[in-house]
């Protein structure tokens, strides 16, 4: 599908820990047509993975999602985002520790900002998590593509131990709780 002719196309940018995990999750959703792993929210231009790993650039490992809002809503993306990572740990996802693994939403429109704020408020009101949500909401900043070896990582390396122990459980959770939102093509 050519997104330049579709007025329903939007971009979402999420940081939810390791981008290999979040990329694998969102690639499987109906209405999501492209997911790119990269870096955003930092202080230098064109950072490299080795720089991001130090935690000194301020960038988060993030994904940029191109989606058709007539097929999947931003709220549905938020639902999957919050269900497939821990939004209550500051600068940490499991064994991955550092600001590059923070939970953050980078909104591309004012509507996305408001929807994210409302979604987090609802999570807090309903006490969905045992601890407060620490996910930051920030205006989108330049998004730098990660190196080629980080793109489509899970699909290309399913037999790697990290994929089996860290990403597979997220995919199983996605399949269990969001089966009605999954595509069968990818």
N, C-alpha and C. Protein backbone atom coordinates (compact mmCIF):
# COMPACT_ATOMS: atom_id res chain seq x y z
N UNK A 1 0.85 -1.18 0.00
CA UNK A 1 0.00 0.00 0.00
C UNK A 1 0.89 1.24 0.00
N UNK A 2 0.56 2.18 -0.81
CA UNK A 2 1.34 3.41 -0.92
C UNK A 2 0.82 4.42 0.09
N UNK A 3 1.61 4.69 1.12
CA UNK A 3 1.14 5.57 2.19
C UNK A 3 1.05 7.02 1.79
N UNK A 4 1.64 7.39 0.67
CA UNK A 4 1.58 8.80 0.27
C UNK A 4 0.21 9.18 -0.26
N UNK A 5 -0.59 8.20 -0.65
CA UNK A 5 -1.92 8.47 -1.17
C UNK A 5 -3.00 8.19 -0.14
N UNK A 6 -2.65 7.81 1.05
CA UNK A 6 -3.62 7.46 2.08
C UNK A 6 -3.60 8.52 3.17
N UNK A 7 -4.71 9.21 3.32
CA UNK A 7 -4.78 10.29 4.31
C UNK A 7 -4.90 9.75 5.74
N UNK A 8 -5.10 8.45 5.89
CA UNK A 8 -5.22 7.87 7.22
C UNK A 8 -3.88 7.41 7.80
N UNK A 9 -2.80 7.59 7.07
CA UNK A 9 -1.50 7.15 7.55
C UNK A 9 -0.97 8.10 8.60
N UNK A 10 -0.42 7.51 9.66
CA UNK A 10 0.18 8.29 10.74
C UNK A 10 1.49 7.64 11.15
N UNK A 11 2.24 8.36 11.95
CA UNK A 11 3.48 7.85 12.51
C UNK A 11 3.37 7.89 14.02
N UNK A 12 3.78 6.80 14.65
CA UNK A 12 3.86 6.72 16.11
C UNK A 12 5.29 6.37 16.46
N UNK A 13 5.78 6.92 17.56
CA UNK A 13 7.13 6.62 18.02
C UNK A 13 7.07 6.24 19.50
N UNK A 14 7.52 5.02 19.78
CA UNK A 14 7.49 4.49 21.14
C UNK A 14 8.88 3.99 21.55
N UNK A 15 9.23 4.25 22.79
CA UNK A 15 10.42 3.66 23.40
C UNK A 15 9.91 2.82 24.57
N UNK A 16 10.20 1.53 24.50
CA UNK A 16 9.72 0.63 25.55
C UNK A 16 10.77 -0.40 25.91
N UNK A 17 12.00 0.06 26.06
CA UNK A 17 13.11 -0.85 26.33
C UNK A 17 13.81 -1.18 25.03
N UNK A 18 14.28 -2.38 24.94
CA UNK A 18 15.02 -2.84 23.76
C UNK A 18 14.15 -2.73 22.50
N UNK A 19 14.67 -2.10 21.46
CA UNK A 19 13.87 -1.94 20.25
C UNK A 19 13.64 -3.25 19.51
N UNK A 20 14.45 -4.27 19.75
CA UNK A 20 14.20 -5.57 19.13
C UNK A 20 12.85 -6.11 19.59
N UNK A 21 12.55 -5.90 20.87
CA UNK A 21 11.29 -6.39 21.44
C UNK A 21 10.09 -5.63 20.90
N UNK A 22 10.16 -4.32 20.97
CA UNK A 22 9.00 -3.52 20.56
C UNK A 22 8.76 -3.64 19.06
N UNK A 23 9.83 -3.71 18.28
CA UNK A 23 9.68 -3.89 16.83
C UNK A 23 8.93 -5.18 16.53
N UNK A 24 9.35 -6.28 17.17
CA UNK A 24 8.73 -7.59 16.93
C UNK A 24 7.24 -7.58 17.26
N UNK A 25 6.87 -6.91 18.34
CA UNK A 25 5.47 -6.84 18.74
C UNK A 25 4.65 -6.08 17.70
N UNK A 26 5.07 -4.88 17.36
CA UNK A 26 4.24 -4.03 16.50
C UNK A 26 4.23 -4.47 15.04
N UNK A 27 5.22 -5.22 14.60
CA UNK A 27 5.21 -5.75 13.24
C UNK A 27 4.03 -6.69 13.01
N UNK A 28 3.47 -7.24 14.05
CA UNK A 28 2.45 -8.25 13.93
C UNK A 28 1.02 -7.70 13.96
N UNK A 29 0.86 -6.40 14.08
CA UNK A 29 -0.48 -5.82 14.19
C UNK A 29 -1.08 -5.45 12.84
N UNK A 30 -2.37 -5.74 12.70
CA UNK A 30 -3.11 -5.26 11.54
C UNK A 30 -3.03 -3.74 11.48
N UNK A 31 -2.87 -3.22 10.31
CA UNK A 31 -2.84 -1.77 10.12
C UNK A 31 -1.48 -1.15 10.29
N UNK A 32 -0.51 -1.91 10.78
CA UNK A 32 0.87 -1.42 10.89
C UNK A 32 1.61 -1.90 9.64
N UNK A 33 2.15 -0.96 8.90
CA UNK A 33 2.77 -1.29 7.62
C UNK A 33 4.28 -1.20 7.61
N UNK A 34 4.84 -0.53 8.60
CA UNK A 34 6.29 -0.48 8.68
C UNK A 34 6.69 -0.15 10.11
N UNK A 35 7.71 -0.85 10.57
CA UNK A 35 8.28 -0.58 11.89
C UNK A 35 9.79 -0.49 11.71
N UNK A 36 10.35 0.63 12.14
CA UNK A 36 11.79 0.83 12.03
C UNK A 36 12.37 1.01 13.43
N UNK A 37 13.49 0.35 13.68
CA UNK A 37 14.20 0.53 14.94
C UNK A 37 15.17 1.69 14.82
N UNK A 38 15.29 2.47 15.89
CA UNK A 38 16.20 3.60 15.85
C UNK A 38 16.39 4.23 17.21
N UNK A 39 16.84 5.48 17.15
CA UNK A 39 17.18 6.22 18.36
C UNK A 39 16.54 7.61 18.29
N UNK A 40 16.04 8.06 19.43
CA UNK A 40 15.45 9.39 19.48
C UNK A 40 15.53 9.92 20.92
N UNK A 41 15.35 11.23 21.03
CA UNK A 41 15.30 11.85 22.35
C UNK A 41 16.65 12.22 22.93
N UNK A 42 17.69 12.23 22.12
CA UNK A 42 19.02 12.51 22.64
C UNK A 42 19.61 13.81 22.15
N UNK A 43 20.90 13.97 22.43
CA UNK A 43 21.55 15.26 22.21
C UNK A 43 22.51 15.32 21.03
N UNK A 44 22.81 14.20 20.39
CA UNK A 44 23.74 14.27 19.26
C UNK A 44 23.06 13.77 17.99
N UNK A 45 23.58 14.20 16.86
CA UNK A 45 23.03 13.78 15.57
C UNK A 45 23.66 12.45 15.15
N UNK A 46 22.83 11.65 14.50
CA UNK A 46 23.28 10.37 13.92
C UNK A 46 24.08 9.50 14.89
N UNK A 47 23.53 9.18 16.04
CA UNK A 47 24.27 8.35 16.99
C UNK A 47 24.39 6.91 16.47
N UNK A 48 25.39 6.23 16.94
CA UNK A 48 25.60 4.82 16.62
C UNK A 48 25.24 3.97 17.84
N UNK A 49 24.97 2.72 17.61
CA UNK A 49 24.57 1.81 18.68
C UNK A 49 25.59 1.80 19.83
N UNK A 50 26.85 1.78 19.49
CA UNK A 50 27.89 1.74 20.54
C UNK A 50 27.83 2.99 21.42
N UNK A 51 27.40 4.13 20.86
CA UNK A 51 27.26 5.36 21.64
C UNK A 51 25.99 5.30 22.50
N UNK A 52 24.92 4.77 21.93
CA UNK A 52 23.66 4.66 22.66
C UNK A 52 23.85 3.77 23.89
N UNK A 53 24.60 2.69 23.72
CA UNK A 53 24.82 1.73 24.82
C UNK A 53 25.49 2.35 26.03
N UNK A 54 26.21 3.43 25.84
CA UNK A 54 26.88 4.07 26.98
C UNK A 54 25.88 4.83 27.85
N UNK A 55 24.73 5.19 27.27
CA UNK A 55 23.74 5.97 28.00
C UNK A 55 24.06 7.45 28.08
N UNK A 56 25.15 7.87 27.43
CA UNK A 56 25.57 9.27 27.55
C UNK A 56 24.98 10.19 26.48
N UNK A 57 24.33 9.65 25.46
CA UNK A 57 23.80 10.51 24.39
C UNK A 57 22.40 11.02 24.70
N UNK A 58 21.74 10.38 25.66
CA UNK A 58 20.37 10.77 26.00
C UNK A 58 19.31 10.13 25.11
N UNK A 59 19.72 9.39 24.09
CA UNK A 59 18.76 8.75 23.20
C UNK A 59 18.14 7.51 23.86
N UNK A 60 16.94 7.22 23.42
CA UNK A 60 16.28 5.98 23.79
C UNK A 60 16.26 5.06 22.58
N UNK A 61 16.37 3.76 22.82
CA UNK A 61 16.08 2.82 21.76
C UNK A 61 14.58 2.90 21.53
N UNK A 62 14.18 3.13 20.28
CA UNK A 62 12.78 3.39 19.99
C UNK A 62 12.40 2.75 18.66
N UNK A 63 11.10 2.74 18.41
CA UNK A 63 10.60 2.30 17.11
C UNK A 63 9.72 3.39 16.52
N UNK A 64 9.78 3.47 15.20
CA UNK A 64 8.93 4.39 14.45
C UNK A 64 7.95 3.52 13.67
N UNK A 65 6.67 3.73 13.91
CA UNK A 65 5.62 2.91 13.33
C UNK A 65 4.85 3.72 12.30
N UNK A 66 4.71 3.18 11.10
CA UNK A 66 3.81 3.75 10.09
C UNK A 66 2.55 2.90 10.12
N UNK A 67 1.42 3.55 10.39
CA UNK A 67 0.18 2.79 10.52
C UNK A 67 -0.98 3.51 9.85
N UNK A 68 -1.99 2.73 9.50
CA UNK A 68 -3.21 3.24 8.89
C UNK A 68 -4.25 3.35 10.00
N UNK A 69 -4.59 4.57 10.37
CA UNK A 69 -5.50 4.79 11.50
C UNK A 69 -6.93 4.33 11.20
N UNK A 70 -7.24 4.02 9.94
CA UNK A 70 -8.55 3.46 9.65
C UNK A 70 -8.59 1.96 9.95
N UNK A 71 -7.40 1.36 10.17
CA UNK A 71 -7.31 -0.06 10.49
C UNK A 71 -6.93 -0.32 11.94
N UNK A 72 -6.10 0.54 12.50
CA UNK A 72 -5.69 0.40 13.89
C UNK A 72 -5.58 1.81 14.48
N UNK A 73 -6.22 2.03 15.59
CA UNK A 73 -6.22 3.37 16.18
C UNK A 73 -4.97 3.59 17.02
N UNK A 74 -4.67 4.84 17.26
CA UNK A 74 -3.55 5.18 18.13
C UNK A 74 -3.79 4.62 19.53
N UNK A 75 -5.05 4.66 19.99
CA UNK A 75 -5.37 4.09 21.31
C UNK A 75 -5.09 2.59 21.35
N UNK A 76 -5.35 1.89 20.26
CA UNK A 76 -5.05 0.46 20.22
C UNK A 76 -3.54 0.23 20.28
N UNK A 77 -2.77 1.10 19.60
CA UNK A 77 -1.31 1.00 19.68
C UNK A 77 -0.85 1.24 21.12
N UNK A 78 -1.45 2.22 21.78
CA UNK A 78 -1.10 2.48 23.18
C UNK A 78 -1.42 1.28 24.07
N UNK A 79 -2.55 0.66 23.82
CA UNK A 79 -2.95 -0.52 24.59
C UNK A 79 -1.90 -1.64 24.47
N UNK A 80 -1.46 -1.90 23.26
CA UNK A 80 -0.45 -2.93 23.03
C UNK A 80 0.88 -2.50 23.66
N UNK A 81 1.24 -1.23 23.49
CA UNK A 81 2.49 -0.72 24.05
C UNK A 81 2.55 -0.95 25.56
N UNK A 82 1.51 -0.56 26.26
CA UNK A 82 1.52 -0.69 27.72
C UNK A 82 1.37 -2.13 28.20
N UNK A 83 0.79 -2.99 27.37
CA UNK A 83 0.62 -4.39 27.76
C UNK A 83 1.87 -5.24 27.52
N UNK A 84 2.82 -4.72 26.74
CA UNK A 84 3.95 -5.57 26.35
C UNK A 84 5.30 -5.07 26.86
N UNK A 85 5.28 -4.13 27.78
CA UNK A 85 6.52 -3.74 28.47
C UNK A 85 6.13 -3.24 29.86
N UNK A 86 7.11 -3.01 30.70
CA UNK A 86 6.84 -2.55 32.06
C UNK A 86 7.00 -1.03 32.12
N UNK A 87 5.88 -0.30 32.15
CA UNK A 87 5.95 1.16 32.18
C UNK A 87 6.16 1.74 33.57
N UNK A 88 6.46 0.88 34.53
CA UNK A 88 6.60 1.35 35.92
C UNK A 88 8.05 1.36 36.40
N UNK A 89 8.97 0.96 35.57
CA UNK A 89 10.38 0.95 35.98
C UNK A 89 11.13 2.05 35.24
N UNK A 90 11.75 2.91 35.98
CA UNK A 90 12.46 4.04 35.40
C UNK A 90 13.78 3.57 34.80
N UNK A 91 13.94 3.84 33.51
CA UNK A 91 15.19 3.53 32.80
C UNK A 91 15.59 2.06 32.91
N UNK A 92 14.59 1.20 32.79
CA UNK A 92 14.87 -0.23 32.91
C UNK A 92 13.74 -1.05 32.29
N UNK A 93 14.16 -2.12 31.61
CA UNK A 93 13.24 -3.17 31.17
C UNK A 93 13.95 -4.49 31.44
N UNK A 94 13.50 -5.22 32.43
CA UNK A 94 14.14 -6.48 32.79
C UNK A 94 15.59 -6.26 33.16
N UNK A 95 16.49 -6.98 32.49
CA UNK A 95 17.92 -6.85 32.76
C UNK A 95 18.57 -5.68 32.03
N UNK A 96 17.84 -5.04 31.13
CA UNK A 96 18.37 -3.89 30.40
C UNK A 96 18.19 -2.63 31.25
N UNK A 97 19.30 -2.03 31.64
CA UNK A 97 19.26 -0.88 32.53
C UNK A 97 20.00 0.29 31.90
N UNK A 98 19.40 1.48 31.96
CA UNK A 98 20.00 2.70 31.44
C UNK A 98 18.94 3.56 30.79
N UNK A 99 19.23 4.83 30.62
CA UNK A 99 18.25 5.75 30.05
C UNK A 99 17.84 5.34 28.63
N UNK A 100 18.70 4.61 27.94
CA UNK A 100 18.37 4.18 26.58
C UNK A 100 17.23 3.16 26.56
N UNK A 101 16.89 2.60 27.73
CA UNK A 101 15.81 1.60 27.83
C UNK A 101 14.57 2.16 28.50
N UNK A 102 14.46 3.46 28.54
CA UNK A 102 13.32 4.09 29.23
C UNK A 102 12.01 3.86 28.48
N UNK A 103 10.93 4.07 29.18
CA UNK A 103 9.59 4.02 28.61
C UNK A 103 9.18 5.45 28.27
N UNK A 104 8.96 5.69 26.97
CA UNK A 104 8.61 7.05 26.56
C UNK A 104 7.80 7.02 25.27
N UNK A 105 6.84 7.91 25.21
CA UNK A 105 6.01 8.09 24.02
C UNK A 105 6.43 9.42 23.40
N UNK A 106 6.78 9.39 22.14
CA UNK A 106 7.15 10.61 21.40
C UNK A 106 6.00 10.92 20.44
N UNK A 107 5.16 11.87 20.82
CA UNK A 107 3.98 12.16 20.02
C UNK A 107 4.33 12.98 18.78
N UNK A 108 3.59 12.70 17.70
CA UNK A 108 3.82 13.41 16.44
C UNK A 108 2.71 14.42 16.15
N UNK A 109 1.63 14.36 16.94
CA UNK A 109 0.53 15.32 16.79
C UNK A 109 0.01 15.69 18.19
N UNK A 110 -0.68 16.77 18.28
CA UNK A 110 -1.29 17.18 19.55
C UNK A 110 -2.32 16.14 20.00
N UNK A 111 -3.04 15.56 19.04
CA UNK A 111 -4.02 14.53 19.35
C UNK A 111 -3.35 13.32 20.01
N UNK A 112 -2.20 12.90 19.48
CA UNK A 112 -1.47 11.78 20.09
C UNK A 112 -1.05 12.12 21.52
N UNK A 113 -0.61 13.34 21.73
CA UNK A 113 -0.22 13.76 23.08
C UNK A 113 -1.40 13.61 24.05
N UNK A 114 -2.54 14.14 23.64
CA UNK A 114 -3.72 14.10 24.50
C UNK A 114 -4.19 12.66 24.74
N UNK A 115 -4.16 11.84 23.70
CA UNK A 115 -4.57 10.44 23.86
C UNK A 115 -3.63 9.70 24.81
N UNK A 116 -2.33 9.95 24.69
CA UNK A 116 -1.36 9.31 25.58
C UNK A 116 -1.57 9.75 27.03
N UNK A 117 -1.80 11.04 27.24
CA UNK A 117 -2.05 11.55 28.60
C UNK A 117 -3.30 10.92 29.18
N UNK A 118 -4.37 10.84 28.38
CA UNK A 118 -5.62 10.24 28.84
C UNK A 118 -5.45 8.75 29.14
N UNK A 119 -4.68 8.07 28.31
CA UNK A 119 -4.46 6.63 28.50
C UNK A 119 -3.71 6.37 29.80
N UNK A 120 -2.66 7.13 30.04
CA UNK A 120 -1.90 6.96 31.29
C UNK A 120 -2.76 7.31 32.49
N UNK A 121 -3.56 8.36 32.38
CA UNK A 121 -4.46 8.73 33.49
C UNK A 121 -5.44 7.59 33.79
N UNK A 122 -5.95 6.94 32.75
CA UNK A 122 -6.87 5.82 32.95
C UNK A 122 -6.15 4.64 33.61
N UNK A 123 -4.94 4.34 33.16
CA UNK A 123 -4.16 3.25 33.78
C UNK A 123 -3.97 3.52 35.27
N UNK A 124 -3.65 4.76 35.60
CA UNK A 124 -3.43 5.12 37.01
C UNK A 124 -4.74 5.07 37.81
N UNK A 125 -5.80 5.61 37.23
CA UNK A 125 -7.10 5.62 37.91
C UNK A 125 -7.58 4.20 38.21
N UNK A 126 -7.38 3.30 37.26
CA UNK A 126 -7.84 1.92 37.40
C UNK A 126 -6.83 1.03 38.13
N UNK A 127 -5.70 1.61 38.55
CA UNK A 127 -4.65 0.83 39.24
C UNK A 127 -4.28 -0.44 38.48
N UNK A 128 -4.03 -0.27 37.19
CA UNK A 128 -3.70 -1.41 36.33
C UNK A 128 -2.35 -2.02 36.71
N UNK A 129 -1.43 -1.18 37.13
CA UNK A 129 -0.10 -1.65 37.51
C UNK A 129 0.09 -1.47 39.02
N UNK A 130 0.91 -2.31 39.64
CA UNK A 130 1.11 -2.21 41.09
C UNK A 130 1.93 -0.99 41.51
N UNK A 131 2.62 -0.37 40.56
CA UNK A 131 3.41 0.83 40.84
C UNK A 131 3.00 1.92 39.85
N UNK A 132 3.33 3.17 40.16
CA UNK A 132 2.98 4.26 39.24
C UNK A 132 3.65 4.12 37.88
N UNK A 133 2.94 4.55 36.83
CA UNK A 133 3.48 4.57 35.47
C UNK A 133 4.49 5.71 35.38
N UNK A 134 5.69 5.41 34.89
CA UNK A 134 6.74 6.42 34.75
C UNK A 134 7.00 6.78 33.29
N UNK A 135 6.18 6.29 32.39
CA UNK A 135 6.33 6.57 30.96
C UNK A 135 6.26 8.07 30.71
N UNK A 136 7.28 8.60 30.08
CA UNK A 136 7.30 10.03 29.73
C UNK A 136 6.55 10.23 28.42
N UNK A 137 6.02 11.43 28.25
CA UNK A 137 5.37 11.82 27.00
C UNK A 137 6.09 13.07 26.51
N UNK A 138 6.69 12.97 25.33
CA UNK A 138 7.49 14.06 24.80
C UNK A 138 7.17 14.30 23.33
N UNK A 139 7.39 15.51 22.90
CA UNK A 139 7.22 15.82 21.48
C UNK A 139 8.28 15.06 20.68
N UNK A 140 7.87 14.56 19.53
CA UNK A 140 8.79 13.81 18.68
C UNK A 140 10.01 14.66 18.34
N UNK A 141 11.14 14.03 18.38
CA UNK A 141 12.42 14.64 18.05
C UNK A 141 12.97 13.89 16.84
N UNK A 142 14.09 14.32 16.30
CA UNK A 142 14.64 13.57 15.16
C UNK A 142 14.79 12.09 15.51
N UNK A 143 14.41 11.25 14.55
CA UNK A 143 14.50 9.81 14.71
C UNK A 143 15.61 9.32 13.79
N UNK A 144 16.59 8.67 14.37
CA UNK A 144 17.73 8.17 13.61
C UNK A 144 17.62 6.65 13.49
N UNK A 145 17.64 6.16 12.27
CA UNK A 145 17.55 4.73 12.05
C UNK A 145 18.73 4.01 12.69
N UNK A 146 18.44 2.90 13.32
CA UNK A 146 19.50 2.05 13.84
C UNK A 146 20.18 1.34 12.67
N UNK A 147 21.34 0.81 12.93
CA UNK A 147 22.09 0.10 11.92
C UNK A 147 21.26 -1.07 11.37
N UNK A 148 21.58 -1.47 10.16
CA UNK A 148 20.81 -2.51 9.45
C UNK A 148 20.67 -3.79 10.27
N UNK A 149 21.71 -4.20 11.00
CA UNK A 149 21.62 -5.45 11.76
C UNK A 149 20.60 -5.40 12.88
N UNK A 150 20.10 -4.22 13.22
CA UNK A 150 19.07 -4.09 14.26
C UNK A 150 17.65 -4.09 13.69
N UNK A 151 17.52 -3.96 12.39
CA UNK A 151 16.20 -3.95 11.76
C UNK A 151 15.70 -5.39 11.61
N UNK A 152 14.42 -5.60 11.91
CA UNK A 152 13.79 -6.91 11.73
C UNK A 152 14.54 -8.00 12.53
N UNK A 153 15.09 -7.60 13.65
CA UNK A 153 16.00 -8.48 14.39
C UNK A 153 15.36 -9.80 14.81
N UNK A 154 14.23 -9.73 15.46
CA UNK A 154 13.59 -10.95 15.96
C UNK A 154 13.26 -11.91 14.82
N UNK A 155 12.68 -11.40 13.76
CA UNK A 155 12.29 -12.27 12.66
C UNK A 155 13.50 -12.94 12.01
N UNK A 156 14.63 -12.27 12.03
CA UNK A 156 15.84 -12.82 11.41
C UNK A 156 16.69 -13.66 12.37
N UNK A 157 16.40 -13.60 13.67
CA UNK A 157 17.26 -14.27 14.66
C UNK A 157 16.47 -15.00 15.75
N UNK A 158 15.37 -15.61 15.40
CA UNK A 158 14.50 -16.25 16.41
C UNK A 158 15.20 -17.30 17.26
N UNK A 159 16.26 -17.89 16.75
CA UNK A 159 16.94 -18.93 17.51
C UNK A 159 17.97 -18.39 18.50
N UNK A 160 18.23 -17.08 18.46
CA UNK A 160 19.16 -16.48 19.41
C UNK A 160 18.58 -16.55 20.83
N UNK A 161 19.41 -16.83 21.84
CA UNK A 161 18.90 -16.92 23.22
C UNK A 161 18.11 -15.68 23.66
N UNK A 162 18.58 -14.47 23.32
CA UNK A 162 17.85 -13.26 23.74
C UNK A 162 16.43 -13.29 23.17
N UNK A 163 16.30 -13.67 21.93
CA UNK A 163 14.99 -13.73 21.30
C UNK A 163 14.10 -14.77 21.97
N UNK A 164 14.67 -15.92 22.28
CA UNK A 164 13.90 -16.99 22.88
C UNK A 164 13.45 -16.68 24.31
N UNK A 165 14.32 -16.06 25.08
CA UNK A 165 14.01 -15.83 26.49
C UNK A 165 13.34 -14.49 26.79
N UNK A 166 13.61 -13.50 25.97
CA UNK A 166 13.07 -12.16 26.25
C UNK A 166 11.92 -11.78 25.30
N UNK A 167 12.09 -12.04 24.02
CA UNK A 167 11.09 -11.59 23.05
C UNK A 167 9.96 -12.60 22.89
N UNK A 168 10.26 -13.90 22.85
CA UNK A 168 9.21 -14.91 22.69
C UNK A 168 8.07 -14.75 23.69
N UNK A 169 8.34 -14.53 24.98
CA UNK A 169 7.22 -14.34 25.92
C UNK A 169 6.34 -13.12 25.58
N UNK A 170 6.94 -12.07 25.05
CA UNK A 170 6.15 -10.90 24.65
C UNK A 170 5.25 -11.25 23.46
N UNK A 171 5.77 -12.01 22.53
CA UNK A 171 4.99 -12.42 21.36
C UNK A 171 3.85 -13.35 21.79
N UNK A 172 4.13 -14.25 22.72
CA UNK A 172 3.09 -15.15 23.22
C UNK A 172 1.99 -14.35 23.92
N UNK A 173 2.38 -13.36 24.70
CA UNK A 173 1.40 -12.50 25.38
C UNK A 173 0.57 -11.74 24.35
N UNK A 174 1.23 -11.22 23.33
CA UNK A 174 0.53 -10.52 22.26
C UNK A 174 -0.48 -11.45 21.59
N UNK A 175 -0.05 -12.66 21.24
CA UNK A 175 -0.93 -13.62 20.59
C UNK A 175 -2.12 -13.98 21.47
N UNK A 176 -1.89 -14.09 22.76
CA UNK A 176 -2.96 -14.46 23.70
C UNK A 176 -3.98 -13.34 23.89
N UNK A 177 -3.49 -12.12 24.11
CA UNK A 177 -4.39 -11.03 24.49
C UNK A 177 -4.86 -10.15 23.33
N UNK A 178 -4.19 -10.23 22.20
CA UNK A 178 -4.53 -9.34 21.09
C UNK A 178 -4.70 -10.10 19.77
N UNK A 179 -5.12 -11.35 19.84
CA UNK A 179 -5.22 -12.18 18.63
C UNK A 179 -6.14 -11.54 17.58
N UNK A 180 -7.15 -10.81 18.01
CA UNK A 180 -8.06 -10.16 17.07
C UNK A 180 -7.44 -8.96 16.36
N UNK A 181 -6.26 -8.53 16.79
CA UNK A 181 -5.62 -7.37 16.18
C UNK A 181 -4.40 -7.76 15.34
N UNK A 182 -4.13 -9.07 15.23
CA UNK A 182 -2.92 -9.51 14.56
C UNK A 182 -3.16 -9.78 13.08
N UNK A 183 -2.12 -9.49 12.30
CA UNK A 183 -2.19 -9.82 10.87
C UNK A 183 -1.71 -11.24 10.68
N UNK A 184 -2.06 -11.79 9.57
CA UNK A 184 -1.64 -13.17 9.29
C UNK A 184 -0.63 -13.23 8.15
N UNK A 185 -0.31 -12.07 7.60
CA UNK A 185 0.58 -12.01 6.44
C UNK A 185 2.03 -11.95 6.84
N UNK A 186 2.37 -11.13 7.84
CA UNK A 186 3.78 -10.85 8.16
C UNK A 186 4.43 -11.97 8.92
